[in-house]
C-alpha atoms as a PDB file:
ATOM      1  CA  MET A   1     122.177  19.214 259.268  1.00  0.00           C
ATOM      2  CA  ILE A   2     121.211  17.810 255.942  1.00  0.00           C
ATOM      3  CA  GLY A   3     120.722  14.432 257.501  1.00  0.00           C
ATOM      4  CA  LYS A   4     118.399  15.740 260.192  1.00  0.00           C
ATOM      5  CA  LYS A   5     116.240  17.601 257.671  1.00  0.00           C
ATOM      6  CA  SER A   6     115.763  14.524 255.575  1.00  0.00           C
ATOM      7  CA  LYS A   7     114.603  12.600 258.580  1.00  0.00           C
ATOM      8  CA  ALA A   8     112.081  15.265 259.437  1.00  0.00           C
ATOM      9  CA  ASP A   9     110.781  15.289 255.911  1.00  0.00           C
ATOM     10  CA  HIS A  10     110.356  11.548 255.986  1.00  0.00           C
ATOM     11  CA  THR A  11     108.449  11.810 259.243  1.00  0.00           C
ATOM     12  CA  ASP A  12     106.101  14.397 257.789  1.00  0.00           C
ATOM     13  CA  SER A  13     105.494  12.284 254.678  1.00  0.00           C
ATOM     14  CA  SER A  14     104.605   9.253 256.798  1.00  0.00           C
ATOM     15  CA  THR A  15     102.218  11.321 258.870  1.00  0.00           C
ATOM     16  CA  GLU A  16     100.391  12.571 255.741  1.00  0.00           C
ATOM     17  CA  GLU A  17     100.040   9.017 254.364  1.00  0.00           C
ATOM     18  CA  ALA A  18      98.613   7.822 257.671  1.00  0.00           C
ATOM     19  CA  ALA A  19      96.143  10.675 257.740  1.00  0.00           C
ATOM     20  CA  SER A  20      95.115   9.932 254.165  1.00  0.00           C
ATOM     21  CA  CYS A  21      94.522   6.282 254.981  1.00  0.00           C
ATOM     22  CA  ALA A  22      92.565   7.219 258.071  1.00  0.00           C
ATOM     23  CA  GLY A  23      90.389   9.604 256.020  1.00  0.00           C
ATOM     24  CA  THR A  24      89.521   6.985 253.395  1.00  0.00           C
ATOM     25  CA  ARG A  25      89.008   4.102 255.850  1.00  0.00           C
ATOM     26  CA  THR A  26      85.315   3.119 256.239  1.00  0.00           C
ATOM     27  CA  ASP A  27      83.530   1.680 259.214  1.00  0.00           C
ATOM     28  CA  PRO A  28      82.420  -1.923 258.431  1.00  0.00           C
ATOM     29  CA  ALA A  29      79.454  -1.572 260.807  1.00  0.00           C
ATOM     30  CA  ALA A  30      78.199   1.608 259.085  1.00  0.00           C
ATOM     31  CA  GLY A  31      78.090  -0.040 255.646  1.00  0.00           C
ATOM     32  CA  PRO A  32      79.289   1.377 252.337  1.00  0.00           C
ATOM     33  CA  GLU A  33      79.062   5.145 252.083  1.00  0.00           C
ATOM     34  CA  ALA A  34      77.024   6.455 249.119  1.00  0.00           C
ATOM     35  CA  SER A  35      78.553   8.918 246.773  1.00  0.00           C
ATOM     36  CA  PRO A  36      77.221  12.507 246.677  1.00  0.00           C
ATOM     37  CA  GLU A  37      75.901  11.966 243.119  1.00  0.00           C
ATOM     38  CA  ALA A  38      73.847   8.880 244.194  1.00  0.00           C
ATOM     39  CA  THR A  39      72.435  10.717 247.200  1.00  0.00           C
ATOM     40  CA  ALA A  40      71.367  13.630 245.038  1.00  0.00           C
ATOM     41  CA  GLN A  41      69.723  11.267 242.514  1.00  0.00           C
ATOM     42  CA  ASP A  42      67.758   9.538 245.304  1.00  0.00           C
ATOM     43  CA  LYS A  43      66.516  12.902 246.536  1.00  0.00           C
ATOM     44  CA  ASP A  44      65.428  13.875 243.020  1.00  0.00           C
ATOM     45  CA  THR A  45      63.605  10.551 242.521  1.00  0.00           C
ATOM     46  CA  GLY A  46      61.731  10.880 245.807  1.00  0.00           C
ATOM     47  CA  SER A  47      60.707  14.439 245.043  1.00  0.00           C
ATOM     48  CA  GLU A  48      59.355  13.355 241.627  1.00  0.00           C
ATOM     49  CA  MET A  49      57.150  10.449 243.013  1.00  0.00           C
ATOM     50  CA  HIS A  50      55.300  12.281 245.776  1.00  0.00           C
ATOM     51  CA  PRO A  51      53.491  14.871 243.601  1.00  0.00           C
ATOM     52  CA  ALA A  52      52.239  12.140 241.197  1.00  0.00           C
ATOM     53  CA  ASP A  53      50.878  10.057 244.051  1.00  0.00           C
ATOM     54  CA  THR A  54      49.169  13.094 245.521  1.00  0.00           C
ATOM     55  CA  ALA A  55      47.541  13.994 242.181  1.00  0.00           C
ATOM     56  CA  ASP A  56      46.091  10.477 241.622  1.00  0.00           C
ATOM     57  CA  THR A  57      44.587  10.239 245.115  1.00  0.00           C
ATOM     58  CA  PRO A  58      41.164  12.002 245.431  1.00  0.00           C
ATOM     59  CA  GLN A  59      40.833  14.403 248.297  1.00  0.00           C
ATOM     60  CA  ASP A  60      38.343  13.800 251.115  1.00  0.00           C
ATOM     61  CA  GLY A  61      36.458  16.957 250.165  1.00  0.00           C
ATOM     62  CA  ASP A  62      35.880  15.757 246.586  1.00  0.00           C
ATOM     63  CA  LEU A  63      34.571  12.401 247.832  1.00  0.00           C
ATOM     64  CA  GLU A  64      32.146  14.109 250.208  1.00  0.00           C
ATOM     65  CA  VAL A  65      30.823  16.373 247.440  1.00  0.00           C
ATOM     66  CA  ALA A  66      30.367  13.411 245.069  1.00  0.00           C
ATOM     67  CA  LEU A  67      28.548  11.456 247.795  1.00  0.00           C
ATOM     68  CA  LYS A  68      26.157  14.345 248.485  1.00  0.00           C
ATOM     69  CA  GLU A  69      25.417  14.737 244.769  1.00  0.00           C
ATOM     70  CA  ALA A  70      24.702  10.992 244.436  1.00  0.00           C
ATOM     71  CA  GLN A  71      22.395  11.072 247.463  1.00  0.00           C
ATOM     72  CA  ALA A  72      20.516  14.080 246.082  1.00  0.00           C
ATOM     73  CA  GLU A  73      20.089  12.378 242.704  1.00  0.00           C
ATOM     74  CA  ALA A  74      18.844   9.172 244.366  1.00  0.00           C
ATOM     75  CA  GLU A  75      16.294  11.127 246.428  1.00  0.00           C
ATOM     76  CA  GLU A  76      15.083  12.938 243.301  1.00  0.00           C
ATOM     77  CA  ASN A  77      14.696   9.678 241.372  1.00  0.00           C
ATOM     78  CA  TYR A  78      12.786   8.085 244.255  1.00  0.00           C
ATOM     79  CA  ASP A  79      10.474  11.088 244.434  1.00  0.00           C
ATOM     80  CA  ARG A  80       9.793  10.796 240.710  1.00  0.00           C
ATOM     81  CA  PHE A  81       9.030   7.105 241.139  1.00  0.00           C
ATOM     82  CA  LEU A  82       6.526   7.821 243.910  1.00  0.00           C
ATOM     83  CA  ARG A  83       4.787  10.491 241.835  1.00  0.00           C
ATOM     84  CA  ALA A  84       4.598   8.201 238.784  1.00  0.00           C
ATOM     85  CA  ALA A  85       3.180   5.344 240.874  1.00  0.00           C
ATOM     86  CA  ALA A  86       0.555   7.668 242.371  1.00  0.00           C
ATOM     87  CA  GLU A  87      -0.428   8.997 238.949  1.00  0.00           C
ATOM     88  CA  LEU A  88      -0.773   5.447 237.599  1.00  0.00           C
ATOM     89  CA  ASP A  89      -2.950   4.425 240.532  1.00  0.00           C
ATOM     90  CA  ASN A  90      -5.166   7.495 240.062  1.00  0.00           C
ATOM     91  CA  PHE A  91      -5.461   6.738 236.342  1.00  0.00           C
ATOM     92  CA  ARG A  92      -6.607   3.190 237.065  1.00  0.00           C
ATOM     93  CA  LYS A  93      -9.189   4.425 239.545  1.00  0.00           C
ATOM     94  CA  ARG A  94     -10.491   7.049 237.107  1.00  0.00           C
ATOM     95  CA  THR A  95     -10.691   4.486 234.300  1.00  0.00           C
ATOM     96  CA  ALA A  96     -12.609   2.015 236.468  1.00  0.00           C
ATOM     97  CA  LYS A  97     -14.977   4.752 237.593  1.00  0.00           C
ATOM     98  CA  VAL A  98     -15.636   5.901 234.021  1.00  0.00           C
ATOM     99  CA  ARG A  99     -16.255   2.296 232.920  1.00  0.00           C
ATOM    100  CA  ILE A 100     -18.756   1.728 235.738  1.00  0.00           C
ATOM    101  CA  GLU A 101     -20.542   4.995 235.030  1.00  0.00           C
ATOM    102  CA  ALA A 102     -20.760   4.217 231.305  1.00  0.00           C
ATOM    103  CA  ARG A 103     -22.198   0.769 232.048  1.00  0.00           C
ATOM    104  CA  GLU A 104     -24.753   2.195 234.456  1.00  0.00           C
ATOM    105  CA  ASP A 105     -25.809   4.847 231.941  1.00  0.00           C
ATOM    106  CA  ALA A 106     -26.241   2.212 229.223  1.00  0.00           C
ATOM    107  CA  LEU A 107     -28.287  -0.060 231.496  1.00  0.00           C
ATOM    108  CA  ARG A 108     -30.450   2.817 232.645  1.00  0.00           C
ATOM    109  CA  ASP A 109     -31.122   3.802 229.052  1.00  0.00           C
ATOM    110  CA  VAL A 110     -32.044   0.235 228.112  1.00  0.00           C
ATOM    111  CA  LEU A 111     -34.374  -0.150 231.085  1.00  0.00           C
ATOM    112  CA  LEU A 112     -36.131   3.108 230.267  1.00  0.00           C
ATOM    113  CA  LYS A 113     -36.711   1.837 226.734  1.00  0.00           C
ATOM    114  CA  ILE A 114     -37.897  -1.584 227.891  1.00  0.00           C
ATOM    115  CA  ALA A 115     -40.245  -0.239 230.572  1.00  0.00           C
ATOM    116  CA  PRO A 116     -43.023   0.636 228.055  1.00  0.00           C
ATOM    117  CA  VAL A 117     -42.815  -2.890 226.627  1.00  0.00           C
ATOM    118  CA  ILE A 118     -43.347  -4.373 230.086  1.00  0.00           C
ATOM    119  CA  ASP A 119     -46.280  -2.008 230.608  1.00  0.00           C
ATOM    120  CA  ASN A 120     -47.899  -3.264 227.408  1.00  0.00           C
ATOM    121  CA  LEU A 121     -47.429  -6.870 228.511  1.00  0.00           C
ATOM    122  CA  ASN A 122     -49.067  -6.075 231.815  1.00  0.00           C
ATOM    123  CA  ARG A 123     -52.008  -4.483 229.999  1.00  0.00           C
ATOM    124  CA  ALA A 124     -52.397  -7.531 227.758  1.00  0.00           C
ATOM    125  CA  LEU A 125     -52.428  -9.852 230.739  1.00  0.00           C
ATOM    126  CA  ALA A 126     -54.979  -7.683 232.507  1.00  0.00           C
ATOM    127  CA  GLN A 127     -57.485  -7.947 229.644  1.00  0.00           C
ATOM    128  CA  GLU A 128     -60.313 -10.367 230.266  1.00  0.00           C
ATOM    129  CA  ASN A 129     -60.955 -11.289 226.653  1.00  0.00           C
ATOM    130  CA  SER A 130     -61.573 -14.717 225.276  1.00  0.00           C
ATOM    131  CA  ASP A 131     -60.722 -13.600 221.753  1.00  0.00           C
ATOM    132  CA  GLY A 132     -57.481 -15.430 221.021  1.00  0.00           C
ATOM    133  CA  GLY A 133     -56.920 -13.494 217.808  1.00  0.00           C
ATOM    134  CA  ALA A 134     -56.911 -10.156 219.563  1.00  0.00           C
ATOM    135  CA  LEU A 135     -54.525 -11.449 222.211  1.00  0.00           C
ATOM    136  CA  ARG A 136     -52.172 -12.774 219.585  1.00  0.00           C
ATOM    137  CA  GLN A 137     -52.223  -9.506 217.721  1.00  0.00           C
ATOM    138  CA  GLY A 138     -51.402  -7.630 220.929  1.00  0.00           C
ATOM    139  CA  VAL A 139     -48.462  -9.913 221.718  1.00  0.00           C
ATOM    140  CA  GLU A 140     -47.102  -9.486 218.214  1.00  0.00           C
ATOM    141  CA  LEU A 141     -47.230  -5.716 218.586  1.00  0.00           C
ATOM    142  CA  ILE A 142     -45.339  -5.950 221.878  1.00  0.00           C
ATOM    143  CA  ARG A 143     -42.697  -8.184 220.316  1.00  0.00           C
ATOM    144  CA  THR A 144     -42.225  -5.724 217.461  1.00  0.00           C
ATOM    145  CA  GLN A 145     -41.883  -2.910 219.960  1.00  0.00           C
ATOM    146  CA  MET A 146     -39.262  -4.872 221.894  1.00  0.00           C
ATOM    147  CA  LEU A 147     -37.265  -5.670 218.774  1.00  0.00           C
ATOM    148  CA  ASP A 148     -37.295  -2.007 217.803  1.00  0.00           C
ATOM    149  CA  VAL A 149     -35.870  -1.067 221.179  1.00  0.00           C
ATOM    150  CA  LEU A 150     -33.082  -3.630 220.891  1.00  0.00           C
ATOM    151  CA  SER A 151     -32.392  -2.656 217.304  1.00  0.00           C
ATOM    152  CA  GLY A 152     -31.680   0.876 218.502  1.00  0.00           C
ATOM    153  CA  TYR A 153     -28.710  -0.544 220.432  1.00  0.00           C
ATOM    154  CA  GLY A 154     -27.328  -2.452 217.446  1.00  0.00           C
ATOM    155  CA  LEU A 155     -28.967  -5.799 218.246  1.00  0.00           C
ATOM    156  CA  GLN A 156     -30.248  -7.635 215.169  1.00  0.00           C
ATOM    157  CA  PRO A 157     -31.850 -11.116 214.894  1.00  0.00           C
ATOM    158  CA  ILE A 158     -30.047 -13.787 212.863  1.00  0.00           C
ATOM    159  CA  GLU A 159     -31.991 -15.207 209.940  1.00  0.00           C
ATOM    160  CA  ALA A 160     -32.008 -18.985 210.193  1.00  0.00           C
ATOM    161  CA  VAL A 161     -34.994 -20.866 208.739  1.00  0.00           C
ATOM    162  CA  GLY A 162     -34.410 -21.789 205.102  1.00  0.00           C
ATOM    163  CA  GLN A 163     -30.771 -20.663 205.235  1.00  0.00           C
ATOM    164  CA  ARG A 164     -27.809 -22.937 204.617  1.00  0.00           C
ATOM    165  CA  PHE A 165     -26.283 -24.025 207.889  1.00  0.00           C
ATOM    166  CA  ASP A 166     -23.446 -21.734 208.936  1.00  0.00           C
ATOM    167  CA  PRO A 167     -21.497 -22.816 212.042  1.00  0.00           C
ATOM    168  CA  ASN A 168     -20.531 -19.169 212.611  1.00  0.00           C
ATOM    169  CA  LEU A 169     -24.203 -18.165 212.959  1.00  0.00           C
ATOM    170  CA  HIS A 170     -26.052 -21.352 213.837  1.00  0.00           C
ATOM    171  CA  GLU A 171     -25.754 -24.053 216.479  1.00  0.00           C
ATOM    172  CA  ALA A 172     -27.143 -27.390 215.288  1.00  0.00           C
ATOM    173  CA  MET A 173     -29.182 -29.067 217.989  1.00  0.00           C
ATOM    174  CA  MET A 174     -30.446 -31.913 215.804  1.00  0.00           C
ATOM    175  CA  GLU A 175     -30.144 -33.406 212.301  1.00  0.00           C
ATOM    176  CA  LEU A 176     -33.122 -34.946 210.507  1.00  0.00           C
ATOM    177  CA  ASP A 177     -33.478 -36.964 207.321  1.00  0.00           C
ATOM    178  CA  THR A 178     -35.886 -35.185 204.971  1.00  0.00           C
ATOM    179  CA  SER A 179     -36.578 -34.827 201.296  1.00  0.00           C
ATOM    180  CA  ASP A 180     -38.331 -31.463 201.692  1.00  0.00           C
ATOM    181  CA  HIS A 181     -35.106 -29.488 202.254  1.00  0.00           C
ATOM    182  CA  PRO A 182     -31.694 -29.543 200.619  1.00  0.00           C
ATOM    183  CA  PRO A 183     -28.906 -31.084 202.696  1.00  0.00           C
ATOM    184  CA  ALA A 184     -27.379 -28.901 205.440  1.00  0.00           C
ATOM    185  CA  THR A 185     -30.337 -26.525 205.469  1.00  0.00           C
ATOM    186  CA  VAL A 186     -31.911 -25.026 208.599  1.00  0.00           C
ATOM    187  CA  MET A 187     -35.349 -26.629 208.881  1.00  0.00           C
ATOM    188  CA  GLU A 188     -36.526 -25.145 212.151  1.00  0.00           C
ATOM    189  CA  GLU A 189     -35.395 -22.514 214.637  1.00  0.00           C
ATOM    190  CA  MET A 190     -35.548 -23.566 218.294  1.00  0.00           C
ATOM    191  CA  GLU A 191     -34.028 -20.375 219.790  1.00  0.00           C
ATOM    192  CA  LYS A 192     -33.495 -17.034 218.110  1.00  0.00           C
ATOM    193  CA  GLY A 193     -29.932 -15.867 217.534  1.00  0.00           C
ATOM    194  CA  TYR A 194     -28.710 -12.262 217.678  1.00  0.00           C
ATOM    195  CA  MET A 195     -25.847 -10.109 216.450  1.00  0.00           C
ATOM    196  CA  LEU A 196     -24.620  -6.957 218.135  1.00  0.00           C
ATOM    197  CA  ASN A 197     -22.966  -4.488 215.763  1.00  0.00           C
ATOM    198  CA  ASN A 198     -22.333  -7.283 213.235  1.00  0.00           C
ATOM    199  CA  LYS A 199     -20.822  -9.583 215.883  1.00  0.00           C
ATOM    200  CA  VAL A 200     -22.536 -12.782 216.973  1.00  0.00           C
ATOM    201  CA  VAL A 201     -23.535 -12.567 220.633  1.00  0.00           C
ATOM    202  CA  LYS A 202     -25.865 -15.564 220.586  1.00  0.00           C
ATOM    203  CA  PRO A 203     -25.979 -18.145 217.780  1.00  0.00           C
ATOM    204  CA  ALA A 204     -29.354 -19.444 216.644  1.00  0.00           C
ATOM    205  CA  ARG A 205     -30.133 -22.958 217.863  1.00  0.00           C
ATOM    206  CA  VAL A 206     -31.585 -24.847 214.931  1.00  0.00           C
ATOM    207  CA  ILE A 207     -32.607 -28.204 213.491  1.00  0.00           C
ATOM    208  CA  VAL A 208     -30.706 -29.025 210.286  1.00  0.00           C
ATOM    209  CA  SER A 209     -31.455 -31.391 207.422  1.00  0.00           C
ATOM    210  CA  LYS A 210     -28.907 -34.184 207.205  1.00  0.00           C
ATOM    211  CA  SER A 211     -26.206 -33.681 204.581  1.00  0.00           C
ATOM    212  CA  ASP A 212     -25.264 -36.238 201.904  1.00  0.00           C
ATOM    213  CA  GLN A 213     -21.785 -36.793 203.358  1.00  0.00           C
END
């Protein structure tokens, strides 16, 4: 009986070893089996990456709101540009209108002041008088009247005859040799020169004595 029991025990031991080998044997086609610790680590890693990716990616709703705000700001800026352009155009038109009106007012004022001078000239021409002295005296009075009118607007004649030649005030039309005048002196005035508010608007055209140089 002892011998039979030992044989049975040996049979049971062989069966357990075979079962153990069968439990640890792996299928070559299925590949190596991961350990439970590695599988758990992979799950933890995957769960940690997804929230970060979701946080960095803007949502569609946020993009739509940002787009609407940008469009509204662009429309507001364009509206401001249109208003500024219209205001600038209106300012230019107002400035041009004011300039034209000021010029017309000045011309009308000048013409009203000159009209009496023209009337006096017409009266002088209408006189049938052979007295040359009286006619000359009348013309001189008219000239004085005209100069007074122009003087009221800041127009002043430039003194030339007997003055030293000044290229800022005089325009030399001719040079003559003479011993009666110092060199570079205005001998004769061909056309009167004028200044408006101390600025030369028309230089005097003169004949100048020749200089020594």
